N, C-alpha and C. Protein backbone atom coordinates (compact mmCIF):
# COMPACT_ATOMS: atom_id res chain seq x y z
N MET A 1 53.03 22.63 -59.97
CA MET A 1 53.58 22.01 -58.77
C MET A 1 52.95 20.62 -58.61
N THR A 2 53.72 19.66 -58.23
CA THR A 2 53.25 18.29 -58.10
C THR A 2 52.53 18.09 -56.77
N ALA A 3 51.68 17.08 -56.73
CA ALA A 3 50.90 16.78 -55.53
C ALA A 3 51.35 15.45 -54.93
N VAL A 4 51.05 15.27 -53.66
CA VAL A 4 51.30 14.00 -52.99
C VAL A 4 50.11 13.10 -53.26
N THR A 5 50.37 11.88 -53.72
CA THR A 5 49.29 10.96 -54.06
C THR A 5 49.04 9.91 -52.97
N ARG A 6 50.06 9.59 -52.21
CA ARG A 6 49.93 8.60 -51.14
C ARG A 6 51.16 8.63 -50.27
N LEU A 7 51.03 8.01 -49.12
CA LEU A 7 52.16 7.80 -48.22
C LEU A 7 52.56 6.34 -48.31
N VAL A 8 53.86 6.10 -48.21
CA VAL A 8 54.36 4.73 -48.28
C VAL A 8 55.38 4.53 -47.16
N THR A 9 55.14 3.52 -46.35
CA THR A 9 56.13 3.14 -45.34
C THR A 9 56.84 1.88 -45.83
N HIS A 10 58.15 1.97 -45.90
CA HIS A 10 58.99 0.85 -46.30
C HIS A 10 59.50 0.19 -45.02
N ALA A 11 59.13 -1.06 -44.82
CA ALA A 11 59.54 -1.81 -43.64
C ALA A 11 60.57 -2.85 -44.05
N GLU A 12 61.65 -2.94 -43.26
CA GLU A 12 62.71 -3.89 -43.58
C GLU A 12 63.20 -4.57 -42.30
N LEU A 13 63.53 -5.83 -42.42
CA LEU A 13 64.04 -6.63 -41.31
C LEU A 13 65.41 -6.14 -40.89
N ASP A 14 65.62 -6.01 -39.60
CA ASP A 14 66.95 -5.74 -39.04
C ASP A 14 67.50 -7.10 -38.62
N GLU A 15 68.26 -7.72 -39.50
CA GLU A 15 68.74 -9.08 -39.27
C GLU A 15 69.62 -9.21 -38.04
N ALA A 16 70.39 -8.19 -37.74
CA ALA A 16 71.31 -8.26 -36.61
C ALA A 16 70.58 -8.40 -35.29
N ASP A 17 69.35 -7.89 -35.21
CA ASP A 17 68.60 -7.93 -33.95
C ASP A 17 67.38 -8.82 -34.02
N THR A 18 67.30 -9.71 -35.01
CA THR A 18 66.16 -10.62 -35.15
C THR A 18 66.63 -12.04 -34.91
N ASN A 19 65.88 -12.76 -34.09
CA ASN A 19 66.16 -14.17 -33.82
C ASN A 19 64.84 -14.87 -33.52
N ALA A 20 64.89 -16.07 -32.99
CA ALA A 20 63.66 -16.84 -32.76
C ALA A 20 62.70 -16.14 -31.79
N ARG A 21 63.21 -15.33 -30.90
CA ARG A 21 62.37 -14.67 -29.89
C ARG A 21 62.18 -13.18 -30.11
N GLN A 22 62.88 -12.62 -31.08
CA GLN A 22 62.81 -11.17 -31.30
C GLN A 22 62.73 -10.86 -32.78
N LEU A 23 61.82 -9.95 -33.12
CA LEU A 23 61.71 -9.42 -34.48
C LEU A 23 62.00 -7.93 -34.41
N SER A 24 62.96 -7.47 -35.21
CA SER A 24 63.29 -6.05 -35.28
C SER A 24 63.11 -5.57 -36.71
N VAL A 25 62.42 -4.43 -36.84
CA VAL A 25 62.08 -3.90 -38.15
C VAL A 25 62.36 -2.40 -38.17
N SER A 26 62.92 -1.91 -39.27
CA SER A 26 63.07 -0.47 -39.46
C SER A 26 61.95 0.00 -40.38
N ALA A 27 61.58 1.28 -40.23
CA ALA A 27 60.49 1.83 -41.04
C ALA A 27 60.89 3.21 -41.56
N ARG A 28 60.67 3.42 -42.86
CA ARG A 28 60.96 4.70 -43.50
C ARG A 28 59.68 5.19 -44.18
N LEU A 29 59.22 6.37 -43.82
CA LEU A 29 58.01 6.94 -44.40
C LEU A 29 58.37 7.87 -45.56
N GLU A 30 57.71 7.67 -46.68
CA GLU A 30 57.92 8.52 -47.85
C GLU A 30 56.58 9.03 -48.37
N ALA A 31 56.63 10.18 -49.03
CA ALA A 31 55.48 10.72 -49.75
C ALA A 31 55.69 10.41 -51.22
N ALA A 32 54.74 9.71 -51.85
CA ALA A 32 54.80 9.45 -53.28
C ALA A 32 54.14 10.63 -53.99
N LEU A 33 54.85 11.17 -54.98
CA LEU A 33 54.37 12.35 -55.68
C LEU A 33 53.78 11.98 -57.04
N ALA A 34 52.88 12.83 -57.53
CA ALA A 34 52.20 12.59 -58.79
C ALA A 34 53.17 12.51 -59.97
N ASP A 35 54.32 13.16 -59.87
CA ASP A 35 55.29 13.15 -60.98
C ASP A 35 56.24 11.95 -60.92
N GLY A 36 55.98 11.01 -60.01
CA GLY A 36 56.79 9.80 -59.92
C GLY A 36 57.92 9.85 -58.90
N ARG A 37 58.22 11.04 -58.40
CA ARG A 37 59.26 11.15 -57.38
C ARG A 37 58.69 10.76 -56.02
N SER A 38 59.60 10.63 -55.06
CA SER A 38 59.19 10.42 -53.67
C SER A 38 60.08 11.28 -52.78
N VAL A 39 59.54 11.63 -51.63
CA VAL A 39 60.27 12.44 -50.66
C VAL A 39 60.27 11.68 -49.33
N VAL A 40 61.47 11.47 -48.77
CA VAL A 40 61.57 10.82 -47.47
C VAL A 40 61.09 11.80 -46.40
N LEU A 41 60.13 11.35 -45.60
CA LEU A 41 59.59 12.17 -44.52
C LEU A 41 60.18 11.78 -43.17
N LEU A 42 60.32 10.49 -42.93
CA LEU A 42 60.90 9.98 -41.68
C LEU A 42 61.75 8.76 -42.02
N ASP A 43 62.98 8.73 -41.51
CA ASP A 43 63.82 7.56 -41.76
C ASP A 43 64.49 7.06 -40.49
N ASP A 44 63.90 7.39 -39.37
CA ASP A 44 64.51 7.02 -38.08
C ASP A 44 63.55 6.24 -37.19
N ARG A 45 62.65 5.50 -37.79
CA ARG A 45 61.65 4.78 -37.01
C ARG A 45 61.86 3.27 -37.12
N GLY A 46 61.31 2.56 -36.18
CA GLY A 46 61.37 1.12 -36.18
C GLY A 46 60.89 0.58 -34.84
N TRP A 47 60.92 -0.72 -34.70
CA TRP A 47 60.46 -1.36 -33.47
C TRP A 47 61.01 -2.77 -33.37
N SER A 48 60.90 -3.30 -32.16
CA SER A 48 61.23 -4.70 -31.89
C SER A 48 60.07 -5.32 -31.14
N SER A 49 59.79 -6.57 -31.45
CA SER A 49 58.77 -7.35 -30.74
C SER A 49 59.48 -8.55 -30.13
N PHE A 50 59.06 -8.90 -28.93
CA PHE A 50 59.72 -9.98 -28.19
C PHE A 50 58.71 -11.03 -27.75
N LEU A 51 59.16 -12.27 -27.68
CA LEU A 51 58.40 -13.37 -27.09
C LEU A 51 59.26 -13.99 -25.99
N SER A 52 58.63 -14.50 -24.97
CA SER A 52 59.37 -15.19 -23.92
C SER A 52 58.84 -16.61 -23.79
N GLY A 53 59.59 -17.43 -23.14
CA GLY A 53 59.18 -18.81 -22.91
C GLY A 53 60.06 -19.77 -23.69
N ASP A 54 60.21 -20.95 -23.13
CA ASP A 54 61.01 -21.98 -23.78
C ASP A 54 60.40 -22.38 -25.10
N GLY A 55 61.21 -22.45 -26.11
CA GLY A 55 60.76 -22.90 -27.42
C GLY A 55 59.92 -21.89 -28.18
N ALA A 56 59.81 -20.68 -27.66
CA ALA A 56 59.01 -19.65 -28.33
C ALA A 56 59.65 -19.29 -29.67
N ASP A 57 58.82 -19.14 -30.69
CA ASP A 57 59.30 -18.71 -32.01
C ASP A 57 58.41 -17.57 -32.48
N ILE A 58 58.99 -16.41 -32.64
CA ILE A 58 58.21 -15.23 -32.99
C ILE A 58 57.57 -15.35 -34.37
N ARG A 59 58.11 -16.20 -35.24
CA ARG A 59 57.49 -16.39 -36.56
C ARG A 59 56.07 -16.95 -36.43
N GLU A 60 55.81 -17.71 -35.38
CA GLU A 60 54.47 -18.26 -35.18
C GLU A 60 53.48 -17.17 -34.81
N TRP A 61 53.97 -16.07 -34.29
CA TRP A 61 53.12 -14.96 -33.85
C TRP A 61 53.00 -13.87 -34.89
N ALA A 62 54.08 -13.56 -35.57
CA ALA A 62 54.14 -12.41 -36.47
C ALA A 62 53.41 -12.71 -37.78
N SER A 63 52.62 -11.75 -38.23
CA SER A 63 51.96 -11.87 -39.52
C SER A 63 52.25 -10.62 -40.34
N ALA A 64 52.12 -10.73 -41.64
CA ALA A 64 52.34 -9.58 -42.52
C ALA A 64 51.37 -8.46 -42.16
N GLU A 65 50.13 -8.80 -41.85
CA GLU A 65 49.14 -7.79 -41.49
C GLU A 65 49.53 -7.06 -40.21
N ASP A 66 49.98 -7.79 -39.20
CA ASP A 66 50.41 -7.16 -37.95
C ASP A 66 51.61 -6.25 -38.17
N ILE A 67 52.55 -6.70 -38.99
CA ILE A 67 53.74 -5.90 -39.26
C ILE A 67 53.35 -4.62 -40.01
N ALA A 68 52.46 -4.72 -40.99
CA ALA A 68 52.01 -3.54 -41.72
C ALA A 68 51.29 -2.56 -40.80
N ASP A 69 50.42 -3.08 -39.93
CA ASP A 69 49.72 -2.20 -38.98
C ASP A 69 50.70 -1.49 -38.05
N THR A 70 51.70 -2.22 -37.55
CA THR A 70 52.68 -1.63 -36.66
C THR A 70 53.54 -0.60 -37.40
N ALA A 71 53.88 -0.89 -38.64
CA ALA A 71 54.68 0.04 -39.44
C ALA A 71 53.95 1.38 -39.59
N ARG A 72 52.65 1.33 -39.86
CA ARG A 72 51.87 2.57 -39.97
C ARG A 72 51.86 3.31 -38.63
N MET A 73 51.76 2.56 -37.55
CA MET A 73 51.69 3.18 -36.22
C MET A 73 53.01 3.86 -35.85
N VAL A 74 54.15 3.23 -36.13
CA VAL A 74 55.42 3.79 -35.66
C VAL A 74 55.86 5.02 -36.44
N VAL A 75 55.28 5.25 -37.61
CA VAL A 75 55.63 6.47 -38.34
C VAL A 75 54.70 7.63 -37.97
N GLY A 76 53.81 7.38 -37.03
CA GLY A 76 53.03 8.46 -36.43
C GLY A 76 51.63 8.55 -36.97
N PRO A 77 50.90 9.42 -36.36
CA PRO A 77 51.31 10.38 -35.34
C PRO A 77 51.58 9.72 -33.99
N ASP A 78 52.48 10.34 -33.23
CA ASP A 78 52.77 9.89 -31.88
C ASP A 78 51.66 10.35 -30.95
N GLY A 79 51.65 9.79 -29.76
CA GLY A 79 50.68 10.20 -28.76
C GLY A 79 51.02 11.57 -28.21
N PRO A 80 50.07 12.16 -27.53
CA PRO A 80 50.28 13.50 -26.98
C PRO A 80 51.35 13.51 -25.88
N PHE A 81 52.01 14.67 -25.74
CA PHE A 81 52.98 14.86 -24.67
C PHE A 81 52.95 16.33 -24.27
N ASP A 82 53.54 16.64 -23.14
CA ASP A 82 53.61 18.03 -22.64
C ASP A 82 52.25 18.72 -22.61
N GLY A 83 51.22 17.99 -22.19
CA GLY A 83 49.90 18.59 -22.03
C GLY A 83 49.09 18.70 -23.31
N GLN A 84 49.58 18.15 -24.41
CA GLN A 84 48.83 18.19 -25.65
C GLN A 84 47.60 17.29 -25.58
N THR A 85 46.61 17.62 -26.37
CA THR A 85 45.50 16.69 -26.58
C THR A 85 45.89 15.76 -27.73
N GLU A 86 45.14 14.71 -27.90
CA GLU A 86 45.37 13.79 -29.02
C GLU A 86 45.28 14.55 -30.35
N GLU A 87 44.29 15.42 -30.46
CA GLU A 87 44.09 16.19 -31.69
C GLU A 87 45.27 17.13 -31.96
N GLN A 88 45.79 17.75 -30.93
CA GLN A 88 46.94 18.64 -31.09
C GLN A 88 48.18 17.87 -31.52
N ALA A 89 48.39 16.71 -30.94
CA ALA A 89 49.54 15.88 -31.31
C ALA A 89 49.45 15.44 -32.76
N GLU A 90 48.26 15.02 -33.17
CA GLU A 90 48.08 14.61 -34.57
C GLU A 90 48.30 15.79 -35.52
N ALA A 91 47.73 16.93 -35.20
CA ALA A 91 47.88 18.11 -36.06
C ALA A 91 49.35 18.51 -36.17
N ALA A 92 50.09 18.46 -35.07
CA ALA A 92 51.51 18.81 -35.08
C ALA A 92 52.31 17.83 -35.95
N HIS A 93 51.98 16.57 -35.86
CA HIS A 93 52.66 15.55 -36.67
C HIS A 93 52.48 15.83 -38.16
N TRP A 94 51.23 16.00 -38.57
CA TRP A 94 50.94 16.22 -39.99
C TRP A 94 51.52 17.54 -40.47
N ALA A 95 51.50 18.56 -39.63
CA ALA A 95 52.08 19.86 -40.00
C ALA A 95 53.60 19.73 -40.19
N ALA A 96 54.26 18.95 -39.34
CA ALA A 96 55.71 18.75 -39.47
C ALA A 96 56.04 18.03 -40.77
N LEU A 97 55.23 17.05 -41.16
CA LEU A 97 55.47 16.35 -42.42
C LEU A 97 55.22 17.29 -43.61
N ALA A 98 54.18 18.13 -43.51
CA ALA A 98 53.91 19.11 -44.57
C ALA A 98 55.08 20.09 -44.71
N ASP A 99 55.69 20.46 -43.59
CA ASP A 99 56.86 21.36 -43.63
C ASP A 99 58.04 20.71 -44.35
N ILE A 100 58.25 19.42 -44.12
CA ILE A 100 59.32 18.71 -44.82
C ILE A 100 59.06 18.75 -46.32
N LEU A 101 57.83 18.51 -46.71
CA LEU A 101 57.48 18.53 -48.13
C LEU A 101 57.68 19.92 -48.73
N LYS A 102 57.32 20.95 -47.98
CA LYS A 102 57.49 22.32 -48.49
C LYS A 102 58.96 22.63 -48.75
N ARG A 103 59.85 22.09 -47.90
CA ARG A 103 61.29 22.28 -48.12
C ARG A 103 61.76 21.60 -49.41
N HIS A 104 60.95 20.66 -49.89
CA HIS A 104 61.26 19.95 -51.14
C HIS A 104 60.41 20.48 -52.30
N GLY A 105 59.78 21.63 -52.10
CA GLY A 105 59.02 22.25 -53.17
C GLY A 105 57.63 21.71 -53.39
N VAL A 106 57.11 20.98 -52.42
CA VAL A 106 55.76 20.41 -52.54
C VAL A 106 54.86 21.14 -51.56
N ASP A 107 53.86 21.83 -52.10
CA ASP A 107 52.96 22.60 -51.26
C ASP A 107 51.74 21.76 -50.90
N THR A 108 51.62 21.41 -49.65
CA THR A 108 50.49 20.63 -49.16
C THR A 108 50.25 21.02 -47.71
N ALA A 109 49.13 20.61 -47.19
CA ALA A 109 48.79 20.91 -45.80
C ALA A 109 48.66 19.62 -45.01
N GLY A 110 48.86 19.74 -43.71
CA GLY A 110 48.79 18.57 -42.84
C GLY A 110 47.50 17.79 -42.96
N PRO A 111 46.34 18.45 -42.91
CA PRO A 111 45.08 17.69 -43.02
C PRO A 111 44.96 16.91 -44.34
N GLU A 112 45.52 17.45 -45.41
CA GLU A 112 45.51 16.72 -46.69
C GLU A 112 46.33 15.45 -46.58
N LEU A 113 47.49 15.54 -45.94
CA LEU A 113 48.34 14.35 -45.77
C LEU A 113 47.64 13.29 -44.94
N ALA A 114 46.96 13.71 -43.91
CA ALA A 114 46.29 12.76 -43.01
C ALA A 114 45.22 11.94 -43.72
N ARG A 115 44.67 12.47 -44.80
CA ARG A 115 43.60 11.77 -45.53
C ARG A 115 44.11 10.86 -46.65
N LEU A 116 45.40 10.89 -46.93
CA LEU A 116 45.94 10.11 -48.04
C LEU A 116 45.97 8.61 -47.74
N PRO A 117 45.90 7.79 -48.79
CA PRO A 117 46.15 6.36 -48.60
C PRO A 117 47.56 6.16 -48.06
N HIS A 118 47.73 5.13 -47.25
CA HIS A 118 49.03 4.85 -46.62
C HIS A 118 49.36 3.38 -46.84
N ASP A 119 50.23 3.13 -47.79
CA ASP A 119 50.65 1.77 -48.11
C ASP A 119 51.89 1.39 -47.30
N VAL A 120 52.07 0.10 -47.13
CA VAL A 120 53.28 -0.43 -46.50
C VAL A 120 53.90 -1.44 -47.46
N THR A 121 55.18 -1.27 -47.72
CA THR A 121 55.90 -2.24 -48.54
C THR A 121 56.95 -2.93 -47.67
N PHE A 122 57.20 -4.18 -47.96
CA PHE A 122 58.19 -4.96 -47.22
C PHE A 122 59.44 -5.11 -48.06
N GLY A 123 60.59 -4.93 -47.41
CA GLY A 123 61.86 -5.13 -48.08
C GLY A 123 62.11 -6.61 -48.33
N GLU A 124 63.12 -6.86 -49.13
CA GLU A 124 63.44 -8.23 -49.52
C GLU A 124 63.73 -9.14 -48.32
N ARG A 125 64.50 -8.65 -47.36
CA ARG A 125 64.84 -9.46 -46.18
C ARG A 125 63.60 -9.77 -45.35
N LEU A 126 62.72 -8.80 -45.19
CA LEU A 126 61.50 -9.02 -44.41
C LEU A 126 60.57 -9.99 -45.12
N ARG A 127 60.45 -9.87 -46.43
CA ARG A 127 59.61 -10.82 -47.18
C ARG A 127 60.15 -12.24 -47.04
N ALA A 128 61.46 -12.40 -47.12
CA ALA A 128 62.08 -13.73 -46.98
C ALA A 128 61.84 -14.27 -45.57
N TRP A 129 61.97 -13.42 -44.56
CA TRP A 129 61.76 -13.86 -43.18
C TRP A 129 60.32 -14.31 -42.99
N LEU A 130 59.38 -13.56 -43.53
CA LEU A 130 57.97 -13.94 -43.40
C LEU A 130 57.68 -15.26 -44.12
N ALA A 131 58.41 -15.51 -45.20
CA ALA A 131 58.22 -16.75 -45.95
C ALA A 131 58.91 -17.94 -45.28
N GLY A 132 59.67 -17.67 -44.22
CA GLY A 132 60.33 -18.74 -43.50
C GLY A 132 61.70 -19.10 -44.01
N ALA A 133 62.24 -18.25 -44.89
CA ALA A 133 63.56 -18.53 -45.45
C ALA A 133 64.66 -18.27 -44.46
């Protein structure tokens, strides 16, 4: 059975909702497997950042490092809800991701996933936007 070697969040620019004052990015979390395959864990995440003020340009504020940090944050774990503690919310998040992997034939546990390296890759449109194209 193959193992998960790392987590990868793919971040891409949402051009339709990005302008001088707003940056919108979608994020897809995948598990990279030792056999070269990957499994999509979350594909419904993303965020928008806004600036206000005359002449504001979000490119002056946004950096690749900030975008990568935010991408890792939006794919979880989420904060606690319904009386959960932070630890319970984190454990539930990692357990849910482990369950997705098990449905794909990958046997792993939530705590193992939480310890993996987590890379962020930028899509072509996002790289071009960061370069000022």
